């Protein structure tokens, strides 16, 4: 398949995703059933399928339960779909503030009650709102205390007290976090780039607040938004642990089943493909003191694109090539990284950390991309640069490494990627998050179980094809932030061209 045709196919998939509607009450939870029916699925998936059960509450809210007897921790997640696509830009952070305030007391439990109970039981009732597309409020506790904590958790979600004393403290906390990020040069780099990159897009309504939006959020705004957010049509529940579904589902229905049945269509979330205009933002940041940060951002294929899995592996390979070219061979920066944010509207980024030569790094980035696009990776000692990232390697070893065909290194990177992915699911809370993402982005709560198959199916040709399609020539918005003296050598014309050789 040609690169042009691949891009077109990915664009079609992203466009189809824009038509995605949630009523969850009617949402198919098993969109990928045909794949799970295949006798060739990996053993990990087969072993885990029997641990799942699903149900629907009387109002249609889906419940996904994964029973695990490996530990005594129980995790329950109330997921709200859509997040920033529902929050207006001038009140960005509204859902995050609302979720936080839900944990500050309810009709039957004061905030001191909640604090005391969670402390005594070493439990958590916490909001999760960093993602653009989904948010949640989570209960994590040991099995001994679940029946004691569940009424507290359910009351927090369903019957908030709207604590007027706590509301200004919540807003103040968000403002402090925002200010701290603005004082850190790397966080400031990301924030400034995102503000421009997301301009006019739903993602501009940053979960932590955008511009002075936090100043415009009132307690009445939060109360009014609650009815829209904590809504059966935007909600599903995920439980991971040694739950008995016959006991848990009636408990959930008695509480969450009281919400009115509803159907919700999510506002459109456009793809970034074709919307990014190449440019360079130059932002003086005197406190960076002799250092600068350079970051570029561009469109990428969405989670359901046939290019997505290969893109993740390609960026893992690119990470090491970047480090090899930028730091090991040229000493141009402390670190370099490439990443993919696989949201409803996916985007990628390349970041150069703590450089003293910001005017030169774009050429080095293009050189690194050129290596991958030519079908090359690091040699069989592919862990040399990774070791160097941790300060464990040495210059002589790194310099001795050579670029070889991607096919030679691909088995290592597949194993590395799979290991990292599953090491991030060591807790029931992490597994619950993985299930939630699988359902929201793929329409099947078991989707993540097939990652091994998808990664193992990737060929060297796939990696190179995706690199050429989504890295070489992809319009990119850049930022250079740091010491004003260093920024004098940054020339806009060097960054305005597309990335890659």
Protein backbone atom coordinates (compact mmCIF):
# COMPACT_ATOMS: atom_id res chain seq x y z
CA UNK A 1 0.00 0.00 0.00
CA UNK A 2 1.40 3.41 -0.93
CA UNK A 3 2.03 6.11 1.66
CA UNK A 4 -0.57 8.36 0.03
CA UNK A 5 -3.17 5.62 0.08
CA UNK A 6 -2.36 4.82 3.72
CA UNK A 7 -2.92 8.44 4.74
CA UNK A 8 -6.23 8.46 2.89
CA UNK A 9 -7.35 5.29 4.65
CA UNK A 10 -6.39 6.69 8.04
CA UNK A 11 -8.20 9.93 7.29
CA UNK A 12 -11.33 7.99 6.42
CA UNK A 13 -11.17 6.12 9.71
CA UNK A 14 -10.73 9.36 11.65
CA UNK A 15 -13.63 10.91 9.77
CA UNK A 16 -15.76 7.91 10.63
CA UNK A 17 -14.84 8.37 14.28
CA UNK A 18 -16.34 11.85 14.16
CA UNK A 19 -19.74 10.24 13.66
CA UNK A 20 -19.23 8.21 16.82
CA UNK A 21 -22.13 8.80 19.16
CA UNK A 22 -22.52 7.57 22.65
CA UNK A 23 -25.55 6.70 23.80
CA UNK A 24 -23.82 4.13 25.90
CA UNK A 25 -27.24 2.69 26.68
CA UNK A 26 -27.28 1.39 23.11
CA UNK A 27 -23.52 1.09 22.64
CA UNK A 28 -22.20 -2.29 21.55
CA UNK A 29 -19.61 -3.35 24.12
CA UNK A 30 -18.17 -6.11 21.92
CA UNK A 31 -17.52 -4.53 18.53
CA UNK A 32 -14.48 -6.76 17.97
CA UNK A 33 -16.23 -10.06 18.76
CA UNK A 34 -15.16 -11.62 15.46
CA UNK A 35 -11.51 -11.16 16.40
CA UNK A 36 -12.06 -12.71 19.82
CA UNK A 37 -13.81 -15.66 18.19
CA UNK A 38 -10.65 -16.40 16.23
CA UNK A 39 -8.76 -19.48 17.47
CA UNK A 40 -5.47 -17.72 16.74
CA UNK A 41 -5.69 -14.99 19.39
CA UNK A 42 -2.82 -14.87 21.84
CA UNK A 43 -2.83 -16.99 25.00
CA UNK A 44 -2.97 -13.92 27.28
CA UNK A 45 -6.26 -12.87 25.69
CA UNK A 46 -7.72 -16.38 25.91
CA UNK A 47 -6.75 -16.66 29.56
CA UNK A 48 -8.37 -13.33 30.45
CA UNK A 49 -11.64 -13.57 28.53
CA UNK A 50 -13.27 -15.74 31.16
CA UNK A 51 -12.60 -13.15 33.87
CA UNK A 52 -14.98 -10.61 32.29
CA UNK A 53 -18.68 -10.14 32.77
CA UNK A 54 -20.95 -7.33 31.64
CA UNK A 55 -24.33 -6.00 32.67
CA UNK A 56 -26.59 -3.04 32.14
CA UNK A 57 -28.28 -1.13 34.90
CA UNK A 58 -32.01 -0.50 34.73
CA UNK A 59 -31.35 2.84 33.00
CA UNK A 60 -29.02 1.30 30.43
CA UNK A 61 -25.66 2.24 31.97
CA UNK A 62 -23.12 -0.44 30.96
CA UNK A 63 -21.08 -2.19 33.64
CA UNK A 64 -17.86 -4.06 32.86
CA UNK A 65 -16.47 -6.31 35.59
CA UNK A 66 -13.09 -8.01 35.46
CA UNK A 67 -12.75 -10.48 38.25
CA UNK A 68 -9.24 -10.88 39.63
CA UNK A 69 -8.17 -12.93 42.62
CA UNK A 70 -4.49 -11.94 42.45
CA UNK A 71 -4.89 -9.38 45.24
CA UNK A 72 -7.47 -7.96 47.62
CA UNK A 73 -7.66 -4.46 46.11
CA UNK A 74 -10.97 -3.48 44.51
CA UNK A 75 -11.20 -0.67 41.95
CA UNK A 76 -14.45 0.90 40.79
CA UNK A 77 -14.43 3.59 38.10
CA UNK A 78 -17.32 5.82 37.05
CA UNK A 79 -16.38 6.99 33.56
CA UNK A 80 -17.78 10.11 31.92
CA UNK A 81 -17.32 10.25 28.16
CA UNK A 82 -16.53 13.31 26.07
CA UNK A 83 -14.90 15.56 28.67
CA UNK A 84 -13.49 18.72 27.05
CA UNK A 85 -15.78 18.45 24.02
CA UNK A 86 -18.57 19.52 26.40
CA UNK A 87 -16.73 22.32 28.23
CA UNK A 88 -16.74 25.81 26.69
CA UNK A 89 -13.33 27.41 26.21
CA UNK A 90 -14.12 30.36 28.48
CA UNK A 91 -14.85 27.88 31.28
CA UNK A 92 -12.15 25.31 30.47
CA UNK A 93 -11.52 23.08 33.47
CA UNK A 94 -15.20 23.02 34.43
CA UNK A 95 -15.53 19.24 34.45
CA UNK A 96 -12.25 18.82 36.33
CA UNK A 97 -13.39 21.28 38.98
CA UNK A 98 -16.75 19.54 39.22
CA UNK A 99 -15.20 16.10 39.70
CA UNK A 100 -12.84 17.43 42.35
CA UNK A 101 -15.69 19.11 44.21
CA UNK A 102 -17.62 15.82 44.23
CA UNK A 103 -14.94 14.44 46.55
CA UNK A 104 -15.35 17.34 48.99
CA UNK A 105 -18.52 16.13 50.70
CA UNK A 106 -21.98 14.85 49.80
CA UNK A 107 -25.49 15.06 51.19
CA UNK A 108 -24.88 12.31 53.75
CA UNK A 109 -21.11 12.56 54.30
CA UNK A 110 -19.26 15.75 55.10
CA UNK A 111 -15.79 16.37 53.70
CA UNK A 112 -14.22 15.61 57.12
CA UNK A 113 -16.23 12.36 57.14
CA UNK A 114 -14.82 11.41 53.73
CA UNK A 115 -11.28 12.32 54.77
CA UNK A 116 -11.53 10.32 57.98
CA UNK A 117 -13.03 7.24 56.35
CA UNK A 118 -10.53 7.11 53.48
CA UNK A 119 -7.65 7.67 55.91
CA UNK A 120 -8.82 4.98 58.33
CA UNK A 121 -9.24 2.46 55.53
CA UNK A 122 -6.22 3.51 53.41
CA UNK A 123 -8.64 4.02 50.53
CA UNK A 124 -8.98 6.57 47.74
CA UNK A 125 -11.94 8.39 46.25
CA UNK A 126 -10.30 10.49 43.58
CA UNK A 127 -11.09 12.29 40.31
CA UNK A 128 -9.23 11.57 37.06
CA UNK A 129 -9.42 14.33 34.47
CA UNK A 130 -6.11 14.65 32.61
CA UNK A 131 -7.44 13.02 29.42
CA UNK A 132 -9.14 15.16 26.78
CA UNK A 133 -11.78 12.56 25.94
CA UNK A 134 -12.78 10.81 29.17
CA UNK A 135 -12.78 11.58 32.86
CA UNK A 136 -13.71 9.55 35.90
CA UNK A 137 -14.09 9.39 39.64
CA UNK A 138 -12.50 6.29 41.16
CA UNK A 139 -12.85 4.25 44.32
CA UNK A 140 -9.88 2.09 45.30
CA UNK A 141 -10.03 0.11 48.53
CA UNK A 142 -9.28 -3.28 50.04
CA UNK A 143 -12.11 -5.81 49.89
CA UNK A 144 -12.69 -5.60 53.67
CA UNK A 145 -13.84 -2.00 53.38
CA UNK A 146 -15.73 -1.97 50.07
CA UNK A 147 -19.22 -2.20 51.56
CA UNK A 148 -18.28 0.57 53.99
CA UNK A 149 -16.82 2.86 51.31
CA UNK A 150 -19.26 2.23 48.45
CA UNK A 151 -22.13 4.27 49.99
CA UNK A 152 -19.69 7.15 50.51
CA UNK A 153 -18.47 6.91 46.92
CA UNK A 154 -21.96 6.62 45.41
CA UNK A 155 -23.22 9.53 47.49
CA UNK A 156 -20.29 11.64 46.32
CA UNK A 157 -21.09 10.98 42.66
CA UNK A 158 -24.88 11.11 42.87
CA UNK A 159 -25.67 13.51 45.74
CA UNK A 160 -22.98 16.19 45.99
CA UNK A 161 -23.15 18.70 48.82
CA UNK A 162 -21.73 21.53 46.66
CA UNK A 163 -19.49 22.58 49.50
CA UNK A 164 -19.37 26.37 49.26
CA UNK A 165 -16.37 26.57 51.58
CA UNK A 166 -14.35 24.10 49.54
CA UNK A 167 -15.19 25.52 46.12
CA UNK A 168 -12.77 28.50 46.28
CA UNK A 169 -10.07 26.17 47.62
CA UNK A 170 -10.55 23.84 44.66
CA UNK A 171 -10.29 26.75 42.22
CA UNK A 172 -7.22 28.01 44.06
CA UNK A 173 -5.58 24.58 43.83
CA UNK A 174 -6.13 24.49 40.08
CA UNK A 175 -4.68 27.97 39.72
CA UNK A 176 -1.60 27.01 41.74
CA UNK A 177 -1.03 23.93 39.58
CA UNK A 178 -1.39 26.07 36.47
CA UNK A 179 1.05 28.66 37.81
CA UNK A 180 3.58 26.02 38.78
CA UNK A 181 3.43 24.63 35.25
CA UNK A 182 3.97 28.09 33.81
CA UNK A 183 7.08 28.54 35.96
CA UNK A 184 8.67 25.32 34.71
CA UNK A 185 10.31 25.80 31.30
CA UNK A 186 9.37 22.39 29.88
CA UNK A 187 5.75 22.61 31.10
CA UNK A 188 5.58 26.16 29.78
CA UNK A 189 6.83 24.90 26.40
CA UNK A 190 4.10 22.28 26.18
CA UNK A 191 1.42 24.71 27.37
CA UNK A 192 2.33 27.47 24.91
CA UNK A 193 2.50 25.05 21.99
CA UNK A 194 -0.80 23.39 22.90
CA UNK A 195 -2.59 26.73 23.10
CA UNK A 196 -1.62 27.48 19.51
CA UNK A 197 -1.93 23.91 18.17
CA UNK A 198 -5.42 23.40 19.64
CA UNK A 199 -6.72 26.84 18.67
CA UNK A 200 -10.31 26.50 17.43
CA UNK A 201 -10.43 22.80 18.40
CA UNK A 202 -12.33 21.23 21.34
CA UNK A 203 -8.98 20.26 22.88
CA UNK A 204 -8.29 23.95 23.44
CA UNK A 205 -10.45 23.66 26.56
CA UNK A 206 -7.58 22.25 28.61
CA UNK A 207 -8.74 20.08 31.56
CA UNK A 208 -6.66 22.23 33.92
CA UNK A 209 -7.97 25.53 32.61
CA UNK A 210 -7.10 27.73 29.63
CA UNK A 211 -6.17 31.39 29.83
CA UNK A 212 -8.22 32.96 32.62
CA UNK A 213 -11.06 30.42 32.37
CA UNK A 214 -10.75 29.42 36.03
CA UNK A 215 -11.65 33.00 36.99
CA UNK A 216 -14.97 32.61 35.18
CA UNK A 217 -16.13 29.37 36.79
CA UNK A 218 -18.67 29.88 39.56
CA UNK A 219 -20.25 27.35 41.90
CA UNK A 220 -23.53 27.85 40.03
CA UNK A 221 -21.70 26.93 36.80
CA UNK A 222 -20.52 23.71 38.40
CA UNK A 223 -24.00 22.86 39.66
CA UNK A 224 -25.52 23.56 36.26
CA UNK A 225 -22.89 21.49 34.46
CA UNK A 226 -23.33 18.52 36.80
CA UNK A 227 -26.67 17.52 35.28
CA UNK A 228 -25.11 17.44 31.84
CA UNK A 229 -22.01 15.53 32.94
CA UNK A 230 -23.28 12.97 35.47
CA UNK A 231 -25.74 11.60 32.98
CA UNK A 232 -26.63 8.00 32.12
CA UNK A 233 -26.00 8.74 28.45
CA UNK A 234 -22.39 9.75 29.12
CA UNK A 235 -21.56 7.12 31.70
CA UNK A 236 -20.27 3.60 32.10
CA UNK A 237 -18.84 1.73 35.09
CA UNK A 238 -15.73 -0.45 35.29
CA UNK A 239 -14.95 -2.71 38.25
CA UNK A 240 -11.70 -4.68 38.62
CA UNK A 241 -10.95 -7.00 41.52
CA UNK A 242 -12.38 -10.03 43.27
CA UNK A 243 -15.98 -8.89 42.77
CA UNK A 244 -18.99 -11.17 42.74
CA UNK A 245 -21.12 -9.79 39.89
CA UNK A 246 -24.29 -11.19 41.47
CA UNK A 247 -23.63 -8.97 44.49
CA UNK A 248 -22.05 -5.94 42.82
CA UNK A 249 -24.54 -5.30 40.00
CA UNK A 250 -27.59 -4.94 42.33
CA UNK A 251 -25.55 -2.53 44.48
CA UNK A 252 -24.68 -0.46 41.43
CA UNK A 253 -28.25 -0.53 40.13
CA UNK A 254 -29.68 0.59 43.46
CA UNK A 255 -27.43 3.64 43.30
CA UNK A 256 -26.54 4.56 39.71
CA UNK A 257 -29.66 3.01 38.23
CA UNK A 258 -31.62 5.89 39.76
CA UNK A 259 -30.28 8.27 37.10
CA UNK A 260 -32.81 8.91 34.31
CA UNK A 261 -32.28 6.91 31.12
CA UNK A 262 -30.85 9.21 28.44
CA UNK A 263 -29.14 9.31 25.08
CA UNK A 264 -26.26 11.66 24.29
CA UNK A 265 -24.52 12.54 21.03
CA UNK A 266 -20.99 13.80 21.58
CA UNK A 267 -20.02 17.05 19.87
CA UNK A 268 -17.68 16.49 16.88
CA UNK A 269 -13.95 16.24 17.55
CA UNK A 270 -12.23 17.00 14.22
CA UNK A 271 -9.01 15.31 13.17
CA UNK A 272 -5.87 17.46 13.05
CA UNK A 273 -4.98 16.04 9.65
CA UNK A 274 -4.88 18.85 7.11
CA UNK A 275 -5.38 21.50 9.82
CA UNK A 276 -1.79 22.06 10.99
CA UNK A 277 0.00 25.06 9.50
CA UNK A 278 3.81 24.96 9.72
CA UNK A 279 5.11 27.73 11.96
CA UNK A 280 7.60 28.49 14.72
CA UNK A 281 6.81 30.13 18.03
CA UNK A 282 9.79 31.76 19.72
CA UNK A 283 9.14 32.34 23.43
CA UNK A 284 11.80 34.01 25.62
CA UNK A 285 11.96 32.44 29.07
CA UNK A 286 14.76 34.09 31.08
CA UNK A 287 14.44 31.67 34.00
CA UNK A 288 15.58 28.87 31.71
CA UNK A 289 19.09 30.23 32.33
CA UNK A 290 21.36 29.02 29.53
CA UNK A 291 19.03 26.34 28.20
CA UNK A 292 16.22 26.06 25.66
CA UNK A 293 13.48 23.58 24.81
CA UNK A 294 12.32 22.77 21.29
CA UNK A 295 9.12 20.88 20.52
CA UNK A 296 7.20 20.13 17.35
CA UNK A 297 3.61 18.89 17.09
CA UNK A 298 1.74 17.34 14.14
CA UNK A 299 -1.27 15.21 13.19
CA UNK A 300 -1.16 11.43 13.64
CA UNK A 301 -3.49 8.49 12.86
CA UNK A 302 -6.23 7.74 15.39
CA UNK A 303 -6.44 4.67 17.64
CA UNK A 304 -8.62 2.77 15.15
CA UNK A 305 -6.37 3.46 12.17
CA UNK A 306 -4.50 0.48 10.66
CA UNK A 307 -1.39 2.66 10.99
CA UNK A 308 -1.73 3.21 14.72
CA UNK A 309 0.09 0.19 16.18
CA UNK A 310 2.94 0.53 13.69
CA UNK A 311 3.18 4.24 14.53
CA UNK A 312 3.65 3.44 18.22
CA UNK A 313 6.51 1.07 17.46
CA UNK A 314 8.00 3.47 14.90
CA UNK A 315 8.09 6.24 17.50
CA UNK A 316 9.71 3.90 20.01
CA UNK A 317 12.47 3.24 17.48
CA UNK A 318 12.68 6.94 16.66
CA UNK A 319 13.17 7.74 20.36
CA UNK A 320 16.48 5.90 20.39
CA UNK A 321 17.58 7.24 17.02
CA UNK A 322 16.85 10.78 18.20
CA UNK A 323 18.86 10.27 21.34
CA UNK A 324 21.72 8.77 19.34
CA UNK A 325 21.82 11.61 16.83
CA UNK A 326 20.98 14.57 19.07
CA UNK A 327 22.84 13.75 22.27
CA UNK A 328 25.30 10.90 21.80
CA UNK A 329 26.78 11.91 18.47
CA UNK A 330 26.32 15.69 18.59
CA UNK A 331 26.02 16.61 22.28
CA UNK A 332 23.25 19.01 21.33
CA UNK A 333 20.82 18.39 24.20
CA UNK A 334 20.26 16.57 27.45
CA UNK A 335 17.48 14.46 25.98
CA UNK A 336 15.17 13.88 23.03
CA UNK A 337 11.82 12.14 22.75
CA UNK A 338 9.05 11.35 20.29
CA UNK A 339 5.52 10.44 21.34
CA UNK A 340 1.97 9.85 20.13
CA UNK A 341 -1.17 11.03 21.92
CA UNK A 342 -3.80 8.61 20.69
CA UNK A 343 -6.97 10.53 21.43
CA UNK A 344 -10.11 10.98 19.35
CA UNK A 345 -8.01 13.54 17.50
CA UNK A 346 -4.51 12.07 17.61
CA UNK A 347 -1.31 14.06 17.42
CA UNK A 348 2.39 13.40 17.73
CA UNK A 349 5.28 15.41 19.10
CA UNK A 350 9.06 15.54 19.07
CA UNK A 351 10.78 17.22 22.02
CA UNK A 352 14.37 18.27 22.54
CA UNK A 353 15.10 18.87 26.23
CA UNK A 354 17.59 21.33 27.65
CA UNK A 355 19.57 22.26 24.56
CA UNK A 356 22.22 24.96 24.27
CA UNK A 357 21.93 25.07 20.46
CA UNK A 358 18.21 25.44 19.69
CA UNK A 359 18.97 26.75 16.22
CA UNK A 360 20.63 23.49 15.21
CA UNK A 361 18.31 20.84 16.58
CA UNK A 362 15.76 20.93 13.74
CA UNK A 363 18.44 19.70 11.35
CA UNK A 364 19.32 16.91 13.76
CA UNK A 365 15.67 15.92 14.10
CA UNK A 366 15.39 15.75 10.31
CA UNK A 367 18.52 13.60 10.24
CA UNK A 368 17.06 11.16 12.77
CA UNK A 369 13.77 10.91 10.87
CA UNK A 370 15.75 10.34 7.71
CA UNK A 371 17.48 7.35 9.30
CA UNK A 372 14.16 5.71 10.15
CA UNK A 373 12.55 6.61 6.82
CA UNK A 374 15.49 5.00 5.02
CA UNK A 375 14.71 1.74 6.78
CA UNK A 376 17.41 1.89 9.44
CA UNK A 377 17.47 1.58 13.21
CA UNK A 378 20.16 1.22 15.83
CA UNK A 379 22.23 -1.93 15.67
CA UNK A 380 21.73 -5.13 17.59
CA UNK A 381 22.97 -3.26 20.69
CA UNK A 382 19.82 -1.18 20.54
CA UNK A 383 19.84 -0.77 24.32
CA UNK A 384 23.02 1.33 24.30
CA UNK A 385 21.25 4.63 23.73
CA UNK A 386 18.48 3.66 26.10
CA UNK A 387 21.13 3.01 28.74
CA UNK A 388 22.66 6.37 27.97
CA UNK A 389 19.32 7.99 28.74
CA UNK A 390 19.68 6.74 32.26
CA UNK A 391 23.31 7.77 32.47
CA UNK A 392 24.46 4.14 32.36
CA UNK A 393 26.12 4.01 28.97
CA UNK A 394 29.36 5.61 27.87
CA UNK A 395 30.30 7.64 24.84
CA UNK A 396 32.64 4.99 23.41
CA UNK A 397 29.94 2.31 23.46
CA UNK A 398 27.35 4.64 22.00
CA UNK A 399 29.69 5.83 19.25
CA UNK A 400 30.40 2.21 18.34
CA UNK A 401 26.75 1.55 17.61
CA UNK A 402 25.75 1.50 13.96
CA UNK A 403 22.52 1.83 12.06
CA UNK A 404 21.22 -1.40 10.58
CA UNK A 405 17.99 -2.47 8.83
CA UNK A 406 14.85 -2.02 10.92
CA UNK A 407 14.10 -5.72 10.48
CA UNK A 408 17.19 -6.58 12.56
CA UNK A 409 16.08 -4.51 15.54
CA UNK A 410 12.31 -4.92 15.27
CA UNK A 411 12.05 -8.08 17.46
CA UNK A 412 13.74 -6.19 20.30
CA UNK A 413 11.41 -3.20 19.96
CA UNK A 414 8.31 -5.38 19.81
CA UNK A 415 9.32 -7.12 23.02
CA UNK A 416 10.25 -3.82 24.65
CA UNK A 417 6.93 -2.21 23.71
CA UNK A 418 4.82 -5.14 24.92
CA UNK A 419 6.77 -5.33 28.19
CA UNK A 420 6.35 -1.61 28.86
CA UNK A 421 2.67 -1.70 28.00
CA UNK A 422 1.79 -4.50 30.35
CA UNK A 423 4.07 -3.28 33.12
CA UNK A 424 1.76 -0.27 33.20
CA UNK A 425 -1.12 -2.55 34.23
CA UNK A 426 0.23 -3.82 37.51
CA UNK A 427 -2.65 -2.47 39.59
CA UNK A 428 -6.39 -2.97 39.33
CA UNK A 429 -6.80 0.78 38.89
CA UNK A 430 -4.50 0.71 35.85
CA UNK A 431 -6.37 -2.23 34.38
CA UNK A 432 -9.68 -0.40 34.89
CA UNK A 433 -8.29 2.57 32.98
CA UNK A 434 -7.17 0.28 30.16
CA UNK A 435 -10.63 -1.27 29.95
CA UNK A 436 -12.25 2.17 29.91
CA UNK A 437 -9.99 3.34 27.06
CA UNK A 438 -10.61 0.15 25.12
CA UNK A 439 -14.38 0.63 25.31
CA UNK A 440 -14.41 4.33 24.57
CA UNK A 441 -11.94 4.34 21.67
CA UNK A 442 -12.60 0.93 20.16
CA UNK A 443 -16.11 -0.09 21.18
CA UNK A 444 -14.86 -3.23 22.91
CA UNK A 445 -13.73 -3.37 26.54
CA UNK A 446 -11.36 -6.24 25.70
CA UNK A 447 -9.50 -4.46 22.92
CA UNK A 448 -6.27 -4.11 24.90
CA UNK A 449 -5.96 -7.89 25.17
CA UNK A 450 -5.17 -8.05 21.45
CA UNK A 451 -2.21 -5.68 21.64
CA UNK A 452 0.27 -8.56 21.54
CA UNK A 453 -1.24 -9.79 18.27
CA UNK A 454 -1.26 -6.31 16.73
CA UNK A 455 2.33 -5.57 17.69
CA UNK A 456 3.60 -8.98 16.60
CA UNK A 457 1.91 -8.53 13.22
CA UNK A 458 3.93 -5.38 12.46
CA UNK A 459 6.62 -5.77 9.82
CA UNK A 460 9.68 -3.67 9.12
CA UNK A 461 7.91 -2.50 5.97
CA UNK A 462 5.00 -1.27 8.11
CA UNK A 463 7.35 0.75 10.33
CA UNK A 464 9.08 2.41 7.39
CA UNK A 465 5.81 3.02 5.55
CA UNK A 466 4.27 4.71 8.60
CA UNK A 467 7.42 6.77 9.19
CA UNK A 468 7.25 8.07 5.63
CA UNK A 469 3.50 8.70 5.79
CA UNK A 470 3.32 10.43 9.17
CA UNK A 471 6.78 11.89 9.78
CA UNK A 472 8.38 12.83 6.48
CA UNK A 473 6.70 15.95 5.17
CA UNK A 474 4.05 16.16 7.89
CA UNK A 475 3.19 19.84 8.56
CA UNK A 476 4.49 20.72 12.01
CA UNK A 477 4.01 23.54 14.49
CA UNK A 478 7.25 24.22 16.41
CA UNK A 479 8.16 26.13 19.53
CA UNK A 480 11.53 27.21 20.83
CA UNK A 481 11.39 28.41 24.44
CA UNK A 482 14.26 29.34 26.67
CA UNK A 483 17.12 31.71 27.42
CA UNK A 484 16.65 34.79 25.17
CA UNK A 485 20.36 34.81 24.31
CA UNK A 486 20.12 31.31 22.86
CA UNK A 487 16.95 32.07 20.92
CA UNK A 488 18.79 34.70 18.88
CA UNK A 489 20.30 31.90 16.78
CA UNK A 490 16.90 30.34 15.99
CA UNK A 491 15.84 31.13 12.42
CA UNK A 492 12.22 30.73 11.49
CA UNK A 493 13.03 29.62 7.95
CA UNK A 494 14.87 26.57 9.33
CA UNK A 495 11.66 25.33 10.98
CA UNK A 496 8.99 26.33 8.47
CA UNK A 497 9.70 23.43 6.16
CA UNK A 498 8.06 20.11 6.96
CA UNK A 499 9.86 17.61 9.15
CA UNK A 500 12.11 14.92 7.80
CA UNK A 501 14.81 14.83 5.12
